[in-house]
């Protein structure tokens, strides 16, 4: 899988999925490409409607589904909140979710990866995929 580097890459992926590249879809792709963090479909929709009031939520969902099915974006269901999206990345990372604010913090740890491999091997397994999500609350300074 190739990680999209620009909006044109997303357009090619949508064309391959049989979707036309309309003005609303271009706007959605621009928003997604420039998104910081892990927006949900409603956030993408709000940003898109601010740019073109004719964009429908259904178009956002169809576009996100096609990108997800192609592997260009990843869908995450953190806790009980809405599904959130991020661009697919070459390297692995895990997530820490702030339960008070909903902020999603990405992190990597070679120690955690090594421990997971060690545990799997000890149990007679090889890890083929994993997802680590930590849920926490910021420690208040006293």
N, C-alpha and C. Protein backbone atom coordinates (compact mmCIF):
# COMPACT_ATOMS: atom_id res chain seq x y z
N UNK A 1 0.83 -1.17 0.00
CA UNK A 1 0.00 0.00 0.00
C UNK A 1 0.88 1.24 0.00
N UNK A 2 0.52 2.20 -0.84
CA UNK A 2 1.23 3.46 -0.89
C UNK A 2 0.51 4.46 -0.03
N UNK A 3 1.26 5.18 0.79
CA UNK A 3 0.67 6.21 1.62
C UNK A 3 0.51 7.46 0.76
N UNK A 4 -0.71 8.01 0.67
CA UNK A 4 -0.91 9.19 -0.16
C UNK A 4 -0.07 10.36 0.33
N UNK A 5 0.56 11.04 -0.63
CA UNK A 5 1.40 12.17 -0.28
C UNK A 5 0.75 13.50 -0.60
N UNK A 6 -0.29 13.49 -1.42
CA UNK A 6 -0.96 14.72 -1.78
C UNK A 6 -2.39 14.41 -2.21
N UNK A 7 -3.18 15.47 -2.37
CA UNK A 7 -4.58 15.30 -2.72
C UNK A 7 -4.75 14.51 -4.01
N UNK A 8 -3.85 14.70 -4.98
CA UNK A 8 -3.94 13.97 -6.26
C UNK A 8 -3.88 12.46 -6.03
N UNK A 9 -3.12 12.01 -5.04
CA UNK A 9 -3.05 10.58 -4.73
C UNK A 9 -4.42 10.07 -4.28
N UNK A 10 -5.10 10.85 -3.44
CA UNK A 10 -6.44 10.47 -2.99
C UNK A 10 -7.40 10.42 -4.18
N UNK A 11 -7.26 11.38 -5.09
CA UNK A 11 -8.13 11.40 -6.27
C UNK A 11 -7.96 10.11 -7.08
N UNK A 12 -6.73 9.69 -7.28
CA UNK A 12 -6.47 8.46 -8.02
C UNK A 12 -7.12 7.26 -7.33
N UNK A 13 -7.04 7.23 -6.02
CA UNK A 13 -7.63 6.13 -5.25
C UNK A 13 -9.15 6.12 -5.43
N UNK A 14 -9.77 7.31 -5.38
CA UNK A 14 -11.23 7.37 -5.56
C UNK A 14 -11.64 6.96 -6.97
N UNK A 15 -10.86 7.37 -7.96
CA UNK A 15 -11.17 6.98 -9.34
C UNK A 15 -11.11 5.45 -9.46
N UNK A 16 -10.08 4.84 -8.85
CA UNK A 16 -9.96 3.38 -8.88
C UNK A 16 -11.15 2.71 -8.22
N UNK A 17 -11.74 3.40 -7.22
CA UNK A 17 -12.91 2.86 -6.52
C UNK A 17 -14.20 3.13 -7.28
N UNK A 18 -14.09 3.80 -8.45
CA UNK A 18 -15.27 4.06 -9.26
C UNK A 18 -16.03 5.32 -8.91
N UNK A 19 -15.42 6.20 -8.11
CA UNK A 19 -16.08 7.45 -7.74
C UNK A 19 -15.58 8.60 -8.61
N UNK A 20 -16.50 9.47 -9.01
CA UNK A 20 -16.12 10.66 -9.78
C UNK A 20 -15.47 11.68 -8.85
N UNK A 21 -14.56 12.45 -9.40
CA UNK A 21 -13.91 13.50 -8.61
C UNK A 21 -14.68 14.79 -8.84
N UNK A 22 -15.60 15.04 -7.94
CA UNK A 22 -16.44 16.24 -8.01
C UNK A 22 -15.83 17.33 -7.14
N UNK A 23 -16.37 18.55 -7.27
CA UNK A 23 -15.88 19.65 -6.43
C UNK A 23 -16.04 19.32 -4.94
N UNK A 24 -17.19 18.80 -4.51
CA UNK A 24 -17.31 18.44 -3.08
C UNK A 24 -16.25 17.42 -2.63
N UNK A 25 -15.99 16.42 -3.47
CA UNK A 25 -14.97 15.43 -3.09
C UNK A 25 -13.59 16.06 -3.03
N UNK A 26 -13.28 16.97 -3.96
CA UNK A 26 -11.98 17.66 -3.91
C UNK A 26 -11.82 18.43 -2.60
N UNK A 27 -12.89 19.07 -2.17
CA UNK A 27 -12.85 19.82 -0.91
C UNK A 27 -12.61 18.86 0.25
N UNK A 28 -13.32 17.74 0.27
CA UNK A 28 -13.14 16.75 1.33
C UNK A 28 -11.69 16.25 1.35
N UNK A 29 -11.13 15.99 0.17
CA UNK A 29 -9.76 15.49 0.09
C UNK A 29 -8.76 16.53 0.57
N UNK A 30 -9.00 17.79 0.24
CA UNK A 30 -8.11 18.86 0.72
C UNK A 30 -8.15 18.95 2.24
N UNK A 31 -9.34 18.84 2.79
CA UNK A 31 -9.49 18.89 4.25
C UNK A 31 -8.77 17.70 4.89
N UNK A 32 -9.00 16.53 4.35
CA UNK A 32 -8.37 15.33 4.90
C UNK A 32 -6.86 15.40 4.79
N UNK A 33 -6.37 15.84 3.64
CA UNK A 33 -4.92 15.91 3.44
C UNK A 33 -4.26 16.88 4.42
N UNK A 34 -4.94 17.98 4.73
CA UNK A 34 -4.37 18.97 5.63
C UNK A 34 -4.74 18.80 7.08
N UNK A 35 -5.51 17.75 7.38
CA UNK A 35 -6.01 17.56 8.76
C UNK A 35 -4.88 17.23 9.73
N UNK A 36 -4.94 17.87 10.86
CA UNK A 36 -4.06 17.55 11.97
C UNK A 36 -4.86 16.67 12.92
N UNK A 37 -4.22 15.70 13.47
CA UNK A 37 -4.90 14.84 14.43
C UNK A 37 -5.77 13.79 13.77
N UNK A 38 -6.90 13.52 14.39
CA UNK A 38 -7.77 12.42 13.99
C UNK A 38 -9.21 12.92 13.90
N UNK A 39 -9.57 13.61 12.82
CA UNK A 39 -10.94 14.15 12.73
C UNK A 39 -11.97 13.05 12.54
N UNK A 40 -13.20 13.33 12.98
CA UNK A 40 -14.29 12.40 12.69
C UNK A 40 -15.05 12.93 11.47
N UNK A 41 -15.99 12.16 10.96
CA UNK A 41 -16.72 12.54 9.75
C UNK A 41 -17.48 13.85 9.95
N UNK A 42 -18.03 14.07 11.15
CA UNK A 42 -18.77 15.30 11.41
C UNK A 42 -17.84 16.52 11.34
N UNK A 43 -16.63 16.39 11.86
CA UNK A 43 -15.67 17.50 11.78
C UNK A 43 -15.28 17.79 10.33
N UNK A 44 -15.06 16.73 9.57
CA UNK A 44 -14.73 16.91 8.15
C UNK A 44 -15.91 17.57 7.44
N UNK A 45 -17.12 17.12 7.74
CA UNK A 45 -18.32 17.69 7.14
C UNK A 45 -18.46 19.18 7.48
N UNK A 46 -18.27 19.54 8.75
CA UNK A 46 -18.37 20.94 9.16
C UNK A 46 -17.39 21.82 8.39
N UNK A 47 -16.15 21.36 8.27
CA UNK A 47 -15.14 22.13 7.53
C UNK A 47 -15.52 22.24 6.06
N UNK A 48 -16.04 21.14 5.49
CA UNK A 48 -16.40 21.13 4.07
C UNK A 48 -17.57 22.06 3.79
N UNK A 49 -18.59 22.03 4.64
CA UNK A 49 -19.77 22.87 4.45
C UNK A 49 -19.40 24.35 4.57
N UNK A 50 -18.41 24.65 5.41
CA UNK A 50 -17.96 26.04 5.52
C UNK A 50 -17.36 26.52 4.20
N UNK A 51 -16.85 25.60 3.39
CA UNK A 51 -16.25 25.95 2.11
C UNK A 51 -17.26 25.86 0.96
N UNK A 52 -18.27 24.98 1.09
CA UNK A 52 -19.29 24.80 0.05
C UNK A 52 -20.52 24.21 0.73
N UNK A 53 -21.55 25.01 0.87
CA UNK A 53 -22.74 24.59 1.62
C UNK A 53 -23.52 23.46 0.94
N UNK A 54 -23.18 23.12 -0.31
CA UNK A 54 -23.90 22.07 -1.02
C UNK A 54 -23.36 20.67 -0.72
N UNK A 55 -22.30 20.56 0.05
CA UNK A 55 -21.71 19.24 0.36
C UNK A 55 -22.61 18.51 1.34
N UNK A 56 -22.86 17.24 1.06
CA UNK A 56 -23.72 16.44 1.95
C UNK A 56 -22.87 15.55 2.85
N UNK A 57 -23.46 15.19 3.98
CA UNK A 57 -22.80 14.28 4.90
C UNK A 57 -22.63 12.91 4.24
N UNK A 58 -23.58 12.52 3.40
CA UNK A 58 -23.48 11.23 2.69
C UNK A 58 -22.25 11.20 1.79
N UNK A 59 -21.94 12.32 1.14
CA UNK A 59 -20.74 12.38 0.29
C UNK A 59 -19.49 12.21 1.14
N UNK A 60 -19.48 12.81 2.31
CA UNK A 60 -18.33 12.65 3.22
C UNK A 60 -18.18 11.18 3.58
N UNK A 61 -19.27 10.53 3.98
CA UNK A 61 -19.20 9.12 4.38
C UNK A 61 -18.78 8.21 3.22
N UNK A 62 -19.33 8.42 2.03
CA UNK A 62 -18.94 7.60 0.87
C UNK A 62 -17.46 7.77 0.54
N UNK A 63 -17.00 9.01 0.60
CA UNK A 63 -15.59 9.30 0.30
C UNK A 63 -14.68 8.65 1.33
N UNK A 64 -15.02 8.78 2.61
CA UNK A 64 -14.19 8.21 3.67
C UNK A 64 -14.19 6.68 3.58
N UNK A 65 -15.34 6.09 3.28
CA UNK A 65 -15.43 4.63 3.17
C UNK A 65 -14.54 4.12 2.03
N UNK A 66 -14.58 4.81 0.88
CA UNK A 66 -13.75 4.38 -0.26
C UNK A 66 -12.26 4.50 0.09
N UNK A 67 -11.87 5.57 0.76
CA UNK A 67 -10.47 5.74 1.15
C UNK A 67 -10.05 4.71 2.18
N UNK A 68 -10.95 4.39 3.09
CA UNK A 68 -10.65 3.36 4.10
C UNK A 68 -10.50 1.98 3.46
N UNK A 69 -11.41 1.65 2.57
CA UNK A 69 -11.36 0.34 1.92
C UNK A 69 -10.10 0.18 1.07
N UNK A 70 -9.57 1.29 0.56
CA UNK A 70 -8.35 1.23 -0.25
C UNK A 70 -7.09 1.15 0.62
N UNK A 71 -7.24 1.44 1.92
CA UNK A 71 -6.08 1.44 2.81
C UNK A 71 -5.38 2.78 2.88
N UNK A 72 -5.94 3.82 2.26
CA UNK A 72 -5.31 5.15 2.25
C UNK A 72 -5.49 5.86 3.59
N UNK A 73 -6.58 5.55 4.28
CA UNK A 73 -6.81 6.11 5.60
C UNK A 73 -7.15 4.98 6.54
N UNK A 74 -6.99 5.25 7.82
CA UNK A 74 -7.34 4.27 8.84
C UNK A 74 -8.48 4.84 9.69
N UNK A 75 -9.40 3.97 10.01
CA UNK A 75 -10.54 4.33 10.85
C UNK A 75 -10.26 3.82 12.25
N UNK A 76 -10.50 4.66 13.24
CA UNK A 76 -10.31 4.27 14.64
C UNK A 76 -11.59 4.53 15.41
N UNK A 77 -11.94 3.61 16.28
CA UNK A 77 -13.07 3.80 17.19
C UNK A 77 -12.48 3.86 18.59
N UNK A 78 -12.20 5.08 19.03
CA UNK A 78 -11.61 5.27 20.35
C UNK A 78 -12.73 5.37 21.38
N UNK A 79 -12.81 4.41 22.27
CA UNK A 79 -13.83 4.44 23.32
C UNK A 79 -15.22 4.45 22.74
N UNK A 80 -16.07 5.31 23.30
CA UNK A 80 -17.48 5.35 22.89
C UNK A 80 -17.77 6.50 21.95
N UNK A 81 -16.75 7.23 21.52
CA UNK A 81 -16.95 8.36 20.63
C UNK A 81 -17.12 7.95 19.19
N UNK A 82 -17.27 8.94 18.32
CA UNK A 82 -17.44 8.64 16.89
C UNK A 82 -16.15 8.09 16.29
N UNK A 83 -16.28 7.38 15.18
CA UNK A 83 -15.10 6.89 14.46
C UNK A 83 -14.28 8.09 14.00
N UNK A 84 -12.97 7.95 14.14
CA UNK A 84 -12.06 9.02 13.73
C UNK A 84 -11.10 8.47 12.69
N UNK A 85 -10.55 9.37 11.90
CA UNK A 85 -9.74 8.96 10.77
C UNK A 85 -8.35 9.58 10.81
N UNK A 86 -7.39 8.85 10.24
CA UNK A 86 -6.06 9.40 10.05
C UNK A 86 -5.49 8.83 8.76
N UNK A 87 -4.58 9.57 8.17
CA UNK A 87 -3.92 9.08 6.97
C UNK A 87 -3.10 7.86 7.32
N UNK A 88 -3.11 6.87 6.43
CA UNK A 88 -2.29 5.68 6.64
C UNK A 88 -0.83 6.09 6.66
N UNK A 89 -0.06 5.44 7.49
CA UNK A 89 1.35 5.78 7.64
C UNK A 89 2.19 4.53 7.48
N UNK A 90 3.42 4.73 7.02
CA UNK A 90 4.33 3.60 6.83
C UNK A 90 4.74 2.99 8.17
N UNK A 91 5.09 3.83 9.13
CA UNK A 91 5.56 3.33 10.42
C UNK A 91 4.42 3.10 11.39
N UNK A 92 4.65 2.19 12.31
CA UNK A 92 3.63 1.86 13.32
C UNK A 92 3.68 2.88 14.46
N UNK A 93 2.52 3.20 15.01
CA UNK A 93 2.46 4.02 16.22
C UNK A 93 1.22 3.60 17.00
N UNK A 94 1.20 3.99 18.26
CA UNK A 94 0.08 3.68 19.14
C UNK A 94 -0.58 4.99 19.55
N UNK A 95 -1.66 4.90 20.33
CA UNK A 95 -2.42 6.08 20.69
C UNK A 95 -2.69 6.15 22.19
N UNK A 96 -2.62 7.37 22.71
CA UNK A 96 -3.04 7.69 24.07
C UNK A 96 -4.21 8.66 23.92
N UNK A 97 -5.37 8.30 24.48
CA UNK A 97 -6.56 9.12 24.35
C UNK A 97 -6.87 9.76 25.69
N UNK A 98 -6.96 11.09 25.69
CA UNK A 98 -7.30 11.85 26.89
C UNK A 98 -8.81 11.71 27.09
N UNK A 99 -9.23 11.08 28.17
CA UNK A 99 -10.65 10.81 28.39
C UNK A 99 -11.45 12.06 28.70
N UNK A 100 -10.77 13.13 29.12
CA UNK A 100 -11.48 14.37 29.43
C UNK A 100 -11.68 15.25 28.20
N UNK A 101 -10.69 15.31 27.33
CA UNK A 101 -10.76 16.22 26.18
C UNK A 101 -10.99 15.50 24.85
N UNK A 102 -10.74 14.20 24.81
CA UNK A 102 -10.84 13.47 23.55
C UNK A 102 -9.60 13.59 22.68
N UNK A 103 -8.60 14.33 23.14
CA UNK A 103 -7.37 14.50 22.36
C UNK A 103 -6.73 13.13 22.14
N UNK A 104 -6.22 12.91 20.94
CA UNK A 104 -5.54 11.66 20.60
C UNK A 104 -4.07 11.98 20.38
N UNK A 105 -3.22 11.35 21.17
CA UNK A 105 -1.78 11.58 21.11
C UNK A 105 -1.11 10.33 20.56
N UNK A 106 -0.34 10.50 19.50
CA UNK A 106 0.38 9.37 18.91
C UNK A 106 1.72 9.23 19.59
N UNK A 107 2.15 7.97 19.77
CA UNK A 107 3.47 7.72 20.34
C UNK A 107 4.01 6.40 19.83
N UNK A 108 5.31 6.25 19.91
CA UNK A 108 5.98 5.00 19.55
C UNK A 108 6.93 4.63 20.68
N UNK A 109 7.07 3.34 20.93
CA UNK A 109 7.99 2.87 21.96
C UNK A 109 8.58 1.54 21.54
N UNK A 110 9.86 1.52 21.32
CA UNK A 110 10.52 0.27 20.96
C UNK A 110 10.44 -0.74 22.11
N UNK A 111 10.41 -0.25 23.35
CA UNK A 111 10.28 -1.16 24.50
C UNK A 111 8.94 -1.88 24.48
N UNK A 112 7.88 -1.12 24.23
CA UNK A 112 6.55 -1.75 24.18
C UNK A 112 6.49 -2.77 23.05
N UNK A 113 7.03 -2.41 21.89
CA UNK A 113 7.01 -3.34 20.76
C UNK A 113 7.78 -4.62 21.10
N UNK A 114 8.92 -4.47 21.75
CA UNK A 114 9.74 -5.64 22.12
C UNK A 114 9.00 -6.53 23.12
N UNK A 115 8.34 -5.91 24.09
CA UNK A 115 7.60 -6.68 25.11
C UNK A 115 6.46 -7.45 24.45
N UNK A 116 5.76 -6.82 23.52
CA UNK A 116 4.66 -7.50 22.83
C UNK A 116 5.18 -8.71 22.04
N UNK A 117 6.30 -8.52 21.35
CA UNK A 117 6.90 -9.62 20.59
C UNK A 117 7.32 -10.76 21.52
N UNK A 118 7.91 -10.39 22.65
CA UNK A 118 8.36 -11.38 23.63
C UNK A 118 7.18 -12.19 24.17
N UNK A 119 6.10 -11.52 24.51
CA UNK A 119 4.92 -12.20 25.05
C UNK A 119 4.32 -13.13 24.00
N UNK A 120 4.18 -12.63 22.78
CA UNK A 120 3.61 -13.46 21.71
C UNK A 120 4.47 -14.70 21.48
N UNK A 121 5.78 -14.53 21.41
CA UNK A 121 6.69 -15.66 21.18
C UNK A 121 6.59 -16.67 22.32
N UNK A 122 6.54 -16.17 23.55
CA UNK A 122 6.44 -17.06 24.71
C UNK A 122 5.16 -17.89 24.67
N UNK A 123 4.10 -17.32 24.09
CA UNK A 123 2.83 -18.03 23.98
C UNK A 123 2.72 -18.82 22.68
N UNK A 124 3.79 -18.78 21.87
CA UNK A 124 3.81 -19.53 20.63
C UNK A 124 3.16 -18.83 19.45
N UNK A 125 3.19 -17.51 19.45
CA UNK A 125 2.55 -16.75 18.38
C UNK A 125 3.53 -15.77 17.74
N UNK A 126 3.18 -15.40 16.52
CA UNK A 126 3.86 -14.33 15.81
C UNK A 126 2.82 -13.23 15.61
N UNK A 127 3.13 -12.01 15.97
CA UNK A 127 2.19 -10.91 15.81
C UNK A 127 2.11 -10.54 14.33
N UNK A 128 0.88 -10.49 13.81
CA UNK A 128 0.68 -10.07 12.43
C UNK A 128 0.06 -8.68 12.36
N UNK A 129 -0.58 -8.27 13.43
CA UNK A 129 -1.16 -6.93 13.51
C UNK A 129 -1.52 -6.67 14.97
N UNK A 130 -1.40 -5.43 15.37
CA UNK A 130 -1.89 -5.07 16.70
C UNK A 130 -2.22 -3.60 16.75
N UNK A 131 -3.00 -3.25 17.74
CA UNK A 131 -3.39 -1.86 17.96
C UNK A 131 -3.37 -1.64 19.47
N UNK A 132 -2.62 -0.65 19.90
CA UNK A 132 -2.55 -0.34 21.33
C UNK A 132 -3.16 1.04 21.55
N UNK A 133 -4.17 1.08 22.41
CA UNK A 133 -4.82 2.33 22.78
C UNK A 133 -4.79 2.44 24.29
N UNK A 134 -4.22 3.52 24.77
CA UNK A 134 -4.21 3.81 26.20
C UNK A 134 -5.20 4.95 26.45
N UNK A 135 -5.99 4.84 27.51
CA UNK A 135 -6.95 5.88 27.86
C UNK A 135 -6.50 6.45 29.19
N UNK A 136 -6.35 7.77 29.24
CA UNK A 136 -5.85 8.38 30.47
C UNK A 136 -6.37 9.77 30.71
N UNK A 137 -6.00 10.26 31.86
CA UNK A 137 -6.36 11.60 32.30
C UNK A 137 -5.08 12.29 32.69
N UNK A 138 -4.94 13.54 32.25
CA UNK A 138 -3.74 14.31 32.57
C UNK A 138 -3.59 14.44 34.09
N UNK A 139 -2.38 14.21 34.57
CA UNK A 139 -2.09 14.33 36.00
C UNK A 139 -2.03 15.82 36.34
N UNK A 140 -2.81 16.17 37.36
CA UNK A 140 -2.83 17.59 37.77
C UNK A 140 -1.65 17.89 38.67
N UNK A 141 -0.95 18.97 38.37
CA UNK A 141 0.19 19.39 39.20
C UNK A 141 -0.33 19.90 40.53
N UNK A 142 0.37 19.53 41.59
CA UNK A 142 -0.07 19.99 42.93
C UNK A 142 0.83 21.04 43.46
